[in-house]
PDB file of N, CA and C in Angstrom:
ATOM      1  N   MET A   1      26.045 -66.901   5.411  1.00  0.00           N
ATOM      2  CA  MET A   1      25.430 -65.693   6.115  1.00  0.00           C
ATOM      3  C   MET A   1      25.920 -64.291   5.453  1.00  0.00           C
ATOM      4  N   THR A   2      27.219 -64.233   5.110  1.00  0.00           N
ATOM      5  CA  THR A   2      27.925 -63.134   4.704  1.00  0.00           C
ATOM      6  C   THR A   2      27.015 -62.407   3.493  1.00  0.00           C
ATOM      7  N   GLY A   3      26.636 -63.261   2.546  1.00  0.00           N
ATOM      8  CA  GLY A   3      25.858 -62.804   1.472  1.00  0.00           C
ATOM      9  C   GLY A   3      24.554 -62.289   1.890  1.00  0.00           C
ATOM     10  N   GLU A   4      23.968 -62.859   2.848  1.00  0.00           N
ATOM     11  CA  GLU A   4      22.731 -62.301   3.418  1.00  0.00           C
ATOM     12  C   GLU A   4      22.979 -61.092   4.248  1.00  0.00           C
ATOM     13  N   ALA A   5      24.101 -61.006   4.932  1.00  0.00           N
ATOM     14  CA  ALA A   5      24.276 -59.883   5.811  1.00  0.00           C
ATOM     15  C   ALA A   5      24.672 -58.702   4.835  1.00  0.00           C
ATOM     16  N   THR A   6      25.442 -59.021   3.720  1.00  0.00           N
ATOM     17  CA  THR A   6      25.744 -58.043   2.729  1.00  0.00           C
ATOM     18  C   THR A   6      24.639 -57.315   2.136  1.00  0.00           C
ATOM     19  N   LEU A   7      23.622 -58.204   1.799  1.00  0.00           N
ATOM     20  CA  LEU A   7      22.345 -57.808   1.098  1.00  0.00           C
ATOM     21  C   LEU A   7      21.664 -56.929   1.952  1.00  0.00           C
ATOM     22  N   LYS A   8      21.481 -57.355   3.261  1.00  0.00           N
ATOM     23  CA  LYS A   8      20.940 -56.484   4.292  1.00  0.00           C
ATOM     24  C   LYS A   8      21.454 -55.106   4.278  1.00  0.00           C
ATOM     25  N   GLU A   9      22.778 -55.243   4.241  1.00  0.00           N
ATOM     26  CA  GLU A   9      23.551 -53.920   4.577  1.00  0.00           C
ATOM     27  C   GLU A   9      23.313 -52.921   3.270  1.00  0.00           C
ATOM     28  N   VAL A  10      23.291 -53.577   1.994  1.00  0.00           N
ATOM     29  CA  VAL A  10      23.089 -52.918   0.858  1.00  0.00           C
ATOM     30  C   VAL A  10      21.687 -52.328   0.876  1.00  0.00           C
ATOM     31  N   ILE A  11      20.647 -53.182   1.275  1.00  0.00           N
ATOM     32  CA  ILE A  11      19.270 -52.651   1.374  1.00  0.00           C
ATOM     33  C   ILE A  11      19.244 -51.482   2.304  1.00  0.00           C
ATOM     34  N   ALA A  12      19.889 -51.652   3.454  1.00  0.00           N
ATOM     35  CA  ALA A  12      19.868 -50.445   4.491  1.00  0.00           C
ATOM     36  C   ALA A  12      20.452 -49.315   3.835  1.00  0.00           C
ATOM     37  N   ARG A  13      21.609 -49.297   3.392  1.00  0.00           N
ATOM     38  CA  ARG A  13      22.342 -48.226   2.614  1.00  0.00           C
ATOM     39  C   ARG A  13      21.355 -47.606   1.459  1.00  0.00           C
ATOM     40  N   LEU A  14      20.668 -48.392   0.761  1.00  0.00           N
ATOM     41  CA  LEU A  14      19.852 -47.958  -0.276  1.00  0.00           C
ATOM     42  C   LEU A  14      18.726 -47.081   0.335  1.00  0.00           C
ATOM     43  N   ALA A  15      18.196 -47.668   1.339  1.00  0.00           N
ATOM     44  CA  ALA A  15      17.102 -47.240   2.108  1.00  0.00           C
ATOM     45  C   ALA A  15      17.471 -45.720   2.686  1.00  0.00           C
ATOM     46  N   LYS A  16      18.629 -45.518   3.126  1.00  0.00           N
ATOM     47  CA  LYS A  16      19.403 -44.530   3.569  1.00  0.00           C
ATOM     48  C   LYS A  16      19.485 -43.417   2.545  1.00  0.00           C
ATOM     49  N   ALA A  17      19.994 -43.972   1.463  1.00  0.00           N
ATOM     50  CA  ALA A  17      20.089 -43.095   0.243  1.00  0.00           C
ATOM     51  C   ALA A  17      18.855 -42.458  -0.308  1.00  0.00           C
ATOM     52  N   ILE A  18      17.874 -43.259  -0.317  1.00  0.00           N
ATOM     53  CA  ILE A  18      16.403 -42.921  -0.829  1.00  0.00           C
ATOM     54  C   ILE A  18      16.017 -41.917   0.263  1.00  0.00           C
ATOM     55  N   GLU A  19      15.928 -42.009   1.513  1.00  0.00           N
ATOM     56  CA  GLU A  19      15.563 -41.087   2.372  1.00  0.00           C
ATOM     57  C   GLU A  19      16.336 -39.869   2.538  1.00  0.00           C
ATOM     58  N   ALA A  20      17.628 -39.873   2.270  1.00  0.00           N
ATOM     59  CA  ALA A  20      18.297 -38.625   1.930  1.00  0.00           C
ATOM     60  C   ALA A  20      17.861 -37.891   0.664  1.00  0.00           C
ATOM     61  N   LEU A  21      17.522 -38.657  -0.243  1.00  0.00           N
ATOM     62  CA  LEU A  21      17.083 -38.075  -1.576  1.00  0.00           C
ATOM     63  C   LEU A  21      15.601 -37.306  -1.470  1.00  0.00           C
ATOM     64  N   GLU A  22      14.937 -38.088  -0.594  1.00  0.00           N
ATOM     65  CA  GLU A  22      13.538 -37.512  -0.284  1.00  0.00           C
ATOM     66  C   GLU A  22      13.636 -36.302   0.332  1.00  0.00           C
ATOM     67  N   ASP A  23      14.574 -36.345   1.343  1.00  0.00           N
ATOM     68  CA  ASP A  23      14.871 -35.038   2.361  1.00  0.00           C
ATOM     69  C   ASP A  23      15.396 -33.991   1.419  1.00  0.00           C
ATOM     70  N   ALA A  24      16.304 -34.227   0.421  1.00  0.00           N
ATOM     71  CA  ALA A  24      16.867 -33.258  -0.312  1.00  0.00           C
ATOM     72  C   ALA A  24      15.659 -32.725  -1.270  1.00  0.00           C
ATOM     73  N   ALA A  25      14.863 -33.605  -1.830  1.00  0.00           N
ATOM     74  CA  ALA A  25      13.804 -33.027  -2.660  1.00  0.00           C
ATOM     75  C   ALA A  25      12.835 -32.225  -1.895  1.00  0.00           C
ATOM     76  N   ALA A  26      12.435 -32.609  -0.728  1.00  0.00           N
ATOM     77  CA  ALA A  26      11.565 -31.758   0.173  1.00  0.00           C
ATOM     78  C   ALA A  26      11.962 -30.364   0.388  1.00  0.00           C
ATOM     79  N   ALA A  27      13.463 -30.472   0.783  1.00  0.00           N
ATOM     80  CA  ALA A  27      14.198 -29.106   1.131  1.00  0.00           C
ATOM     81  C   ALA A  27      14.111 -28.188  -0.177  1.00  0.00           C
ATOM     82  N   ARG A  28      14.395 -28.771  -1.372  1.00  0.00           N
ATOM     83  CA  ARG A  28      14.287 -28.111  -2.653  1.00  0.00           C
ATOM     84  C   ARG A  28      12.980 -27.450  -2.774  1.00  0.00           C
ATOM     85  N   LEU A  29      12.021 -28.373  -2.810  1.00  0.00           N
ATOM     86  CA  LEU A  29      10.510 -27.779  -3.074  1.00  0.00           C
ATOM     87  C   LEU A  29      10.221 -26.680  -2.075  1.00  0.00           C
ATOM     88  N   GLU A  30      10.658 -26.785  -0.734  1.00  0.00           N
ATOM     89  CA  GLU A  30      10.486 -25.754   0.199  1.00  0.00           C
ATOM     90  C   GLU A  30      11.037 -24.461  -0.154  1.00  0.00           C
ATOM     91  N   ARG A  31      12.391 -24.478  -0.638  1.00  0.00           N
ATOM     92  CA  ARG A  31      13.158 -23.336  -0.993  1.00  0.00           C
ATOM     93  C   ARG A  31      12.533 -22.718  -2.422  1.00  0.00           C
ATOM     94  N   GLU A  32      12.043 -23.517  -3.176  1.00  0.00           N
ATOM     95  CA  GLU A  32      11.242 -22.997  -4.452  1.00  0.00           C
ATOM     96  C   GLU A  32      10.064 -22.291  -3.986  1.00  0.00           C
ATOM     97  N   GLN A  33       9.248 -22.773  -2.925  1.00  0.00           N
ATOM     98  CA  GLN A  33       8.084 -22.221  -2.600  1.00  0.00           C
ATOM     99  C   GLN A  33       8.387 -20.935  -1.921  1.00  0.00           C
ATOM    100  N   ASP A  34       9.359 -20.819  -1.060  1.00  0.00           N
ATOM    101  CA  ASP A  34       9.923 -19.565  -0.450  1.00  0.00           C
ATOM    102  C   ASP A  34      10.258 -18.600  -1.348  1.00  0.00           C
ATOM    103  N   TYR A  35      10.875 -18.975  -2.465  1.00  0.00           N
ATOM    104  CA  TYR A  35      11.377 -18.177  -3.540  1.00  0.00           C
ATOM    105  C   TYR A  35      10.147 -17.681  -4.203  1.00  0.00           C
ATOM    106  N   GLY A  36       9.113 -18.259  -4.434  1.00  0.00           N
ATOM    107  CA  GLY A  36       8.022 -17.993  -5.187  1.00  0.00           C
ATOM    108  C   GLY A  36       7.268 -16.927  -4.273  1.00  0.00           C
ATOM    109  N   GLU A  37       7.254 -17.271  -3.081  1.00  0.00           N
ATOM    110  CA  GLU A  37       6.450 -16.246  -2.077  1.00  0.00           C
ATOM    111  C   GLU A  37       7.367 -15.044  -2.032  1.00  0.00           C
ATOM    112  N   ALA A  38       8.573 -15.080  -1.976  1.00  0.00           N
ATOM    113  CA  ALA A  38       9.326 -13.819  -1.965  1.00  0.00           C
ATOM    114  C   ALA A  38       9.135 -12.912  -3.219  1.00  0.00           C
ATOM    115  N   GLU A  39       9.197 -13.682  -4.273  1.00  0.00           N
ATOM    116  CA  GLU A  39       8.882 -12.994  -5.704  1.00  0.00           C
ATOM    117  C   GLU A  39       7.516 -12.463  -5.692  1.00  0.00           C
ATOM    118  N   ALA A  40       6.485 -13.004  -5.295  1.00  0.00           N
ATOM    119  CA  ALA A  40       5.116 -12.440  -5.054  1.00  0.00           C
ATOM    120  C   ALA A  40       5.255 -11.122  -4.275  1.00  0.00           C
ATOM    121  N   GLU A  41       5.941 -11.279  -3.089  1.00  0.00           N
ATOM    122  CA  GLU A  41       6.015 -10.181  -2.247  1.00  0.00           C
ATOM    123  C   GLU A  41       6.679  -8.828  -2.828  1.00  0.00           C
ATOM    124  N   VAL A  42       7.863  -9.111  -3.744  1.00  0.00           N
ATOM    125  CA  VAL A  42       8.573  -8.113  -4.468  1.00  0.00           C
ATOM    126  C   VAL A  42       7.423  -7.535  -5.392  1.00  0.00           C
ATOM    127  N   GLN A  43       6.770  -8.312  -6.193  1.00  0.00           N
ATOM    128  CA  GLN A  43       5.743  -7.879  -6.920  1.00  0.00           C
ATOM    129  C   GLN A  43       4.740  -6.992  -6.280  1.00  0.00           C
ATOM    130  N   ARG A  44       4.158  -7.338  -5.258  1.00  0.00           N
ATOM    131  CA  ARG A  44       3.304  -6.653  -4.404  1.00  0.00           C
ATOM    132  C   ARG A  44       3.922  -5.194  -3.935  1.00  0.00           C
ATOM    133  N   MET A  45       5.224  -5.344  -3.485  1.00  0.00           N
ATOM    134  CA  MET A  45       5.936  -4.067  -3.119  1.00  0.00           C
ATOM    135  C   MET A  45       6.041  -3.096  -4.240  1.00  0.00           C
ATOM    136  N   ASN A  46       6.491  -3.632  -5.481  1.00  0.00           N
ATOM    137  CA  ASN A  46       6.676  -2.823  -6.734  1.00  0.00           C
ATOM    138  C   ASN A  46       5.277  -2.164  -7.067  1.00  0.00           C
ATOM    139  N   ALA A  47       4.200  -3.018  -7.004  1.00  0.00           N
ATOM    140  CA  ALA A  47       2.930  -2.460  -7.211  1.00  0.00           C
ATOM    141  C   ALA A  47       2.601  -1.403  -6.199  1.00  0.00           C
ATOM    142  N   ASP A  48       2.859  -1.462  -4.985  1.00  0.00           N
ATOM    143  CA  ASP A  48       2.612  -0.406  -3.965  1.00  0.00           C
ATOM    144  C   ASP A  48       3.419   0.859  -4.203  1.00  0.00           C
ATOM    145  N   ARG A  49       4.602   0.571  -4.561  1.00  0.00           N
ATOM    146  CA  ARG A  49       5.606   1.656  -4.718  1.00  0.00           C
ATOM    147  C   ARG A  49       5.090   2.576  -6.052  1.00  0.00           C
ATOM    148  N   ALA A  50       4.672   1.787  -7.036  1.00  0.00           N
ATOM    149  CA  ALA A  50       4.196   2.580  -8.140  1.00  0.00           C
ATOM    150  C   ALA A  50       2.789   3.445  -7.908  1.00  0.00           C
ATOM    151  N   ARG A  51       2.097   2.849  -7.129  1.00  0.00           N
ATOM    152  CA  ARG A  51       0.805   3.571  -6.455  1.00  0.00           C
ATOM    153  C   ARG A  51       1.100   4.679  -5.702  1.00  0.00           C
ATOM    154  N   LEU A  52       2.214   4.466  -4.795  1.00  0.00           N
ATOM    155  CA  LEU A  52       2.587   5.423  -3.928  1.00  0.00           C
ATOM    156  C   LEU A  52       3.166   6.651  -4.798  1.00  0.00           C
ATOM    157  N   ALA A  53       3.968   6.171  -5.672  1.00  0.00           N
ATOM    158  CA  ALA A  53       4.606   7.358  -6.626  1.00  0.00           C
ATOM    159  C   ALA A  53       3.617   8.104  -7.453  1.00  0.00           C
ATOM    160  N   GLN A  54       2.538   7.577  -8.027  1.00  0.00           N
ATOM    161  CA  GLN A  54       1.452   8.221  -8.462  1.00  0.00           C
ATOM    162  C   GLN A  54       0.655   9.050  -7.770  1.00  0.00           C
ATOM    163  N   GLU A  55       0.452   8.661  -6.255  1.00  0.00           N
ATOM    164  CA  GLU A  55      -0.199   9.398  -5.498  1.00  0.00           C
ATOM    165  C   GLU A  55       0.606  10.682  -4.921  1.00  0.00           C
ATOM    166  N   LEU A  56       1.887  10.423  -4.932  1.00  0.00           N
ATOM    167  CA  LEU A  56       2.816  11.593  -4.557  1.00  0.00           C
ATOM    168  C   LEU A  56       2.869  12.631  -5.715  1.00  0.00           C
ATOM    169  N   ASP A  57       2.828  12.204  -6.876  1.00  0.00           N
ATOM    170  CA  ASP A  57       2.810  13.024  -7.984  1.00  0.00           C
ATOM    171  C   ASP A  57       1.436  13.822  -7.953  1.00  0.00           C
ATOM    172  N   GLY A  58       0.412  13.120  -7.819  1.00  0.00           N
ATOM    173  CA  GLY A  58      -0.824  13.955  -7.597  1.00  0.00           C
ATOM    174  C   GLY A  58      -0.959  14.886  -6.426  1.00  0.00           C
ATOM    175  N   SER A  59      -0.324  14.526  -5.391  1.00  0.00           N
ATOM    176  CA  SER A  59      -0.203  15.407  -4.176  1.00  0.00           C
ATOM    177  C   SER A  59       0.830  16.659  -4.484  1.00  0.00           C
ATOM    178  N   GLU A  60       1.856  16.376  -5.109  1.00  0.00           N
ATOM    179  CA  GLU A  60       2.659  17.503  -5.641  1.00  0.00           C
ATOM    180  C   GLU A  60       2.079  18.562  -6.508  1.00  0.00           C
ATOM    181  N   ALA A  61       1.217  18.114  -7.445  1.00  0.00           N
ATOM    182  CA  ALA A  61       0.492  18.781  -8.442  1.00  0.00           C
ATOM    183  C   ALA A  61      -0.566  19.675  -7.693  1.00  0.00           C
ATOM    184  N   ARG A  62      -1.334  19.096  -6.732  1.00  0.00           N
ATOM    185  CA  ARG A  62      -2.312  19.741  -6.094  1.00  0.00           C
ATOM    186  C   ARG A  62      -1.711  20.747  -5.198  1.00  0.00           C
ATOM    187  N   SER A  63      -0.423  20.561  -4.470  1.00  0.00           N
ATOM    188  CA  SER A  63       0.281  21.544  -3.791  1.00  0.00           C
ATOM    189  C   SER A  63       0.726  22.745  -4.469  1.00  0.00           C
ATOM    190  N   GLU A  64       1.174  22.299  -5.716  1.00  0.00           N
ATOM    191  CA  GLU A  64       1.588  23.510  -6.783  1.00  0.00           C
ATOM    192  C   GLU A  64       0.246  24.291  -7.031  1.00  0.00           C
ATOM    193  N   ARG A  65      -0.855  23.708  -7.200  1.00  0.00           N
ATOM    194  CA  ARG A  65      -1.947  24.415  -7.541  1.00  0.00           C
ATOM    195  C   ARG A  65      -2.460  25.293  -6.173  1.00  0.00           C
ATOM    196  N   LEU A  66      -2.460  24.752  -5.058  1.00  0.00           N
ATOM    197  CA  LEU A  66      -2.753  25.520  -4.011  1.00  0.00           C
ATOM    198  C   LEU A  66      -1.715  26.603  -3.727  1.00  0.00           C
ATOM    199  N   GLU A  67      -0.485  26.302  -3.886  1.00  0.00           N
ATOM    200  CA  GLU A  67       0.584  27.535  -3.815  1.00  0.00           C
ATOM    201  C   GLU A  67       0.127  28.688  -4.782  1.00  0.00           C
ATOM    202  N   GLU A  68      -0.206  28.327  -6.055  1.00  0.00           N
ATOM    203  CA  GLU A  68      -0.567  29.393  -6.876  1.00  0.00           C
ATOM    204  C   GLU A  68      -1.707  30.124  -6.593  1.00  0.00           C
ATOM    205  N   ALA A  69      -2.763  29.274  -5.959  1.00  0.00           N
ATOM    206  CA  ALA A  69      -4.044  30.045  -5.574  1.00  0.00           C
ATOM    207  C   ALA A  69      -3.713  30.853  -4.295  1.00  0.00           C
ATOM    208  N   ASN A  70      -2.875  30.360  -3.466  1.00  0.00           N
ATOM    209  CA  ASN A  70      -2.399  31.282  -2.346  1.00  0.00           C
ATOM    210  C   ASN A  70      -1.720  32.416  -2.767  1.00  0.00           C
ATOM    211  N   LYS A  71      -0.838  32.416  -3.763  1.00  0.00           N
ATOM    212  CA  LYS A  71      -0.119  33.736  -4.292  1.00  0.00           C
ATOM    213  C   LYS A  71      -1.302  34.508  -4.863  1.00  0.00           C
ATOM    214  N   GLU A  72      -2.331  34.116  -5.664  1.00  0.00           N
ATOM    215  CA  GLU A  72      -3.333  35.016  -6.125  1.00  0.00           C
ATOM    216  C   GLU A  72      -4.074  35.576  -5.045  1.00  0.00           C
ATOM    217  N   VAL A  73      -4.364  34.995  -4.209  1.00  0.00           N
ATOM    218  CA  VAL A  73      -5.270  35.337  -2.880  1.00  0.00           C
ATOM    219  C   VAL A  73      -4.478  36.484  -2.323  1.00  0.00           C
ATOM    220  N   SER A  74      -3.233  36.290  -2.028  1.00  0.00           N
ATOM    221  CA  SER A  74      -2.444  37.285  -1.266  1.00  0.00           C
ATOM    222  C   SER A  74      -2.267  38.550  -2.185  1.00  0.00           C
ATOM    223  N   ARG A  75      -2.069  38.349  -3.515  1.00  0.00           N
ATOM    224  CA  ARG A  75      -1.998  39.516  -4.293  1.00  0.00           C
ATOM    225  C   ARG A  75      -3.352  40.363  -4.335  1.00  0.00           C
ATOM    226  N   ARG A  76      -4.459  39.532  -4.429  1.00  0.00           N
ATOM    227  CA  ARG A  76      -5.779  40.330  -4.355  1.00  0.00           C
ATOM    228  C   ARG A  76      -6.070  41.057  -3.064  1.00  0.00           C
ATOM    229  N   LEU A  77      -5.553  40.380  -2.006  1.00  0.00           N
ATOM    230  CA  LEU A  77      -5.706  41.012  -0.633  1.00  0.00           C
ATOM    231  C   LEU A  77      -5.030  42.199  -0.662  1.00  0.00           C
ATOM    232  N   VAL A  78      -3.657  42.090  -1.081  1.00  0.00           N
ATOM    233  CA  VAL A  78      -2.735  43.432  -1.126  1.00  0.00           C
ATOM    234  C   VAL A  78      -3.434  44.572  -1.922  1.00  0.00           C
ATOM    235  N   THR A  79      -3.956  44.101  -3.083  1.00  0.00           N
ATOM    236  CA  THR A  79      -4.711  45.225  -3.966  1.00  0.00           C
ATOM    237  C   THR A  79      -5.857  45.673  -3.149  1.00  0.00           C
ATOM    238  N   ALA A  80      -6.636  44.882  -2.558  1.00  0.00           N
ATOM    239  CA  ALA A  80      -7.867  45.223  -1.804  1.00  0.00           C
ATOM    240  C   ALA A  80      -7.467  46.224  -0.546  1.00  0.00           C
ATOM    241  N   MET A  81      -6.520  45.827   0.025  1.00  0.00           N
ATOM    242  CA  MET A  81      -5.904  46.751   1.213  1.00  0.00           C
ATOM    243  C   MET A  81      -5.424  48.247   0.674  1.00  0.00           C
ATOM    244  N   GLU A  82      -4.845  48.204  -0.486  1.00  0.00           N
ATOM    245  CA  GLU A  82      -4.320  49.475  -1.028  1.00  0.00           C
ATOM    246  C   GLU A  82      -5.393  50.268  -1.467  1.00  0.00           C
ATOM    247  N   THR A  83      -6.498  49.633  -2.059  1.00  0.00           N
ATOM    248  CA  THR A  83      -7.704  50.387  -2.450  1.00  0.00           C
ATOM    249  C   THR A  83      -8.223  50.957  -1.260  1.00  0.00           C
ATOM    250  N   ILE A  84      -8.538  50.119  -0.046  1.00  0.00           N
ATOM    251  CA  ILE A  84      -9.204  50.621   1.082  1.00  0.00           C
ATOM    252  C   ILE A  84      -8.370  51.933   1.676  1.00  0.00           C
ATOM    253  N   ARG A  85      -7.076  51.667   1.675  1.00  0.00           N
ATOM    254  CA  ARG A  85      -6.088  52.826   2.198  1.00  0.00           C
ATOM    255  C   ARG A  85      -6.394  54.053   1.309  1.00  0.00           C
ATOM    256  N   ALA A  86      -6.563  53.877   0.001  1.00  0.00           N
ATOM    257  CA  ALA A  86      -6.584  55.034  -0.855  1.00  0.00           C
ATOM    258  C   ALA A  86      -7.998  55.749  -0.520  1.00  0.00           C
ATOM    259  N   VAL A  87      -8.915  54.934  -0.364  1.00  0.00           N
ATOM    260  CA  VAL A  87     -10.300  55.338   0.100  1.00  0.00           C
ATOM    261  C   VAL A  87     -10.186  56.075   1.419  1.00  0.00           C
ATOM    262  N   LEU A  88      -9.651  55.736   2.403  1.00  0.00           N
ATOM    263  CA  LEU A  88      -9.502  56.222   3.595  1.00  0.00           C
ATOM    264  C   LEU A  88      -8.783  57.557   3.807  1.00  0.00           C
ATOM    265  N   ASP A  89      -7.715  57.438   2.869  1.00  0.00           N
ATOM    266  CA  ASP A  89      -6.701  58.741   2.735  1.00  0.00           C
ATOM    267  C   ASP A  89      -7.477  59.983   2.156  1.00  0.00           C
ATOM    268  N   ARG A  90      -8.610  59.786   1.549  1.00  0.00           N
ATOM    269  CA  ARG A  90      -9.215  60.716   0.801  1.00  0.00           C
ATOM    270  C   ARG A  90      -9.855  61.875   1.636  1.00  0.00           C
TER     271      ARG A  90
END
């Protein structure tokens, strides 16, 4: 019976080892999937960052144009006010 008992023990140990290997393989696959998802998220974030940077550049350019237009309008208003004062002072 010891040979049969030893064989049963070996088979049980082998089954445990196979189960542990399957668990390790499943955990590895899960980690790889998580890594893939994280990598995809990083790529989406980089794309968003690039889009936002482009929008910011466009907004800054528009702001500069508006600031220049504001200065021009202000200059013209000052000129118009000076002209009106000159006419009124006559």
